[in-house]
Amino acid sequence: MPIYEYSCQECGMRFELLRSFQDSDAGILCPECESARIERVLSAFSTGGCGGGAGAGRFT
């Protein structure tokens, strides 16, 4: 399940929730002020890249 980041339009709190893709936009309440005015935030993500494998650091 992906982690989604949300922002409360009332109090400004940003928080994350682990939700299924199907529930990503389902109604939620702010954990701080309990407002329903929540907006999903576009989050940056990283991909694993450990390097060090065969040929790492070599240019041909």
C-alpha atoms as a PDB file:
ATOM      1  CA  MET A   1       0.000   0.000   0.000  1.00  0.00           C
ATOM      2  CA  PRO A   2       1.313   3.456  -0.842  1.00  0.00           C
ATOM      3  CA  ILE A   3       1.737   6.288   1.628  1.00  0.00           C
ATOM      4  CA  TYR A   4      -0.165   9.430   0.666  1.00  0.00           C
ATOM      5  CA  GLU A   5       0.571  12.926   1.969  1.00  0.00           C
ATOM      6  CA  TYR A   6      -2.286  15.294   2.792  1.00  0.00           C
ATOM      7  CA  SER A   7      -2.647  18.922   3.849  1.00  0.00           C
ATOM      8  CA  CYS A   8      -5.478  20.364   5.937  1.00  0.00           C
ATOM      9  CA  GLN A   9      -6.962  23.511   4.402  1.00  0.00           C
ATOM     10  CA  GLU A  10      -8.186  24.697   7.834  1.00  0.00           C
ATOM     11  CA  CYS A  11      -5.157  24.423  10.132  1.00  0.00           C
ATOM     12  CA  GLY A  12      -2.353  23.754   7.611  1.00  0.00           C
ATOM     13  CA  MET A  13      -1.236  20.471   9.167  1.00  0.00           C
ATOM     14  CA  ARG A  14       0.509  18.064   6.778  1.00  0.00           C
ATOM     15  CA  PHE A  15       0.234  14.352   7.483  1.00  0.00           C
ATOM     16  CA  GLU A  16       0.708  10.983   5.825  1.00  0.00           C
ATOM     17  CA  LEU A  17      -1.611   7.990   5.627  1.00  0.00           C
ATOM     18  CA  LEU A  18      -1.004   4.454   4.438  1.00  0.00           C
ATOM     19  CA  ARG A  19      -3.983   3.796   2.152  1.00  0.00           C
ATOM     20  CA  SER A  20      -4.897   1.565  -0.737  1.00  0.00           C
ATOM     21  CA  PHE A  21      -4.930   3.140  -4.190  1.00  0.00           C
ATOM     22  CA  GLN A  22      -8.727   2.806  -4.277  1.00  0.00           C
ATOM     23  CA  ASP A  23      -9.069   4.809  -1.030  1.00  0.00           C
ATOM     24  CA  SER A  24      -6.482   7.490  -1.829  1.00  0.00           C
ATOM     25  CA  ASP A  25      -9.133  10.196  -2.332  1.00  0.00           C
ATOM     26  CA  ALA A  26     -11.808   8.839   0.012  1.00  0.00           C
ATOM     27  CA  GLY A  27     -12.995  11.240   2.705  1.00  0.00           C
ATOM     28  CA  ILE A  28     -10.731  11.700   5.719  1.00  0.00           C
ATOM     29  CA  LEU A  29     -10.515  14.077   8.662  1.00  0.00           C
ATOM     30  CA  CYS A  30      -7.542  16.097   9.823  1.00  0.00           C
ATOM     31  CA  PRO A  31      -5.971  14.427  12.880  1.00  0.00           C
ATOM     32  CA  GLU A  32      -5.351  17.885  14.413  1.00  0.00           C
ATOM     33  CA  CYS A  33      -8.573  19.890  13.931  1.00  0.00           C
ATOM     34  CA  GLU A  34     -10.901  17.190  12.505  1.00  0.00           C
ATOM     35  CA  SER A  35     -11.727  19.302   9.443  1.00  0.00           C
ATOM     36  CA  ALA A  36     -12.871  17.505   6.300  1.00  0.00           C
ATOM     37  CA  ARG A  37     -11.186  20.140   4.088  1.00  0.00           C
ATOM     38  CA  ILE A  38      -8.244  17.907   3.166  1.00  0.00           C
ATOM     39  CA  GLU A  39      -6.209  18.052  -0.013  1.00  0.00           C
ATOM     40  CA  ARG A  40      -3.816  15.377  -1.241  1.00  0.00           C
ATOM     41  CA  VAL A  41      -0.304  16.769  -1.755  1.00  0.00           C
ATOM     42  CA  LEU A  42       1.965  15.752  -4.598  1.00  0.00           C
ATOM     43  CA  SER A  43       4.846  14.037  -2.840  1.00  0.00           C
ATOM     44  CA  ALA A  44       8.354  13.442  -4.061  1.00  0.00           C
ATOM     45  CA  PHE A  45       9.580   9.883  -3.933  1.00  0.00           C
ATOM     46  CA  SER A  46      12.865   8.108  -4.321  1.00  0.00           C
ATOM     47  CA  THR A  47      13.819   4.838  -5.884  1.00  0.00           C
ATOM     48  CA  GLY A  48      16.298   2.408  -4.456  1.00  0.00           C
ATOM     49  CA  GLY A  49      19.657   2.522  -6.108  1.00  0.00           C
ATOM     50  CA  CYS A  50      22.318   0.921  -4.018  1.00  0.00           C
ATOM     51  CA  GLY A  51      25.011   0.938  -6.697  1.00  0.00           C
ATOM     52  CA  GLY A  52      28.135  -1.094  -6.192  1.00  0.00           C
ATOM     53  CA  GLY A  53      26.943  -3.826  -8.575  1.00  0.00           C
ATOM     54  CA  ALA A  54      28.858  -5.248 -11.489  1.00  0.00           C
ATOM     55  CA  GLY A  55      30.354  -2.436 -13.513  1.00  0.00           C
ATOM     56  CA  ALA A  56      29.511   0.276 -10.991  1.00  0.00           C
ATOM     57  CA  GLY A  57      31.751   3.279 -11.322  1.00  0.00           C
ATOM     58  CA  ARG A  58      33.264   2.179 -14.609  1.00  0.00           C
ATOM     59  CA  PHE A  59      32.818   4.064 -17.820  1.00  0.00           C
ATOM     60  CA  THR A  60      33.333   2.248 -21.099  1.00  0.00           C
END
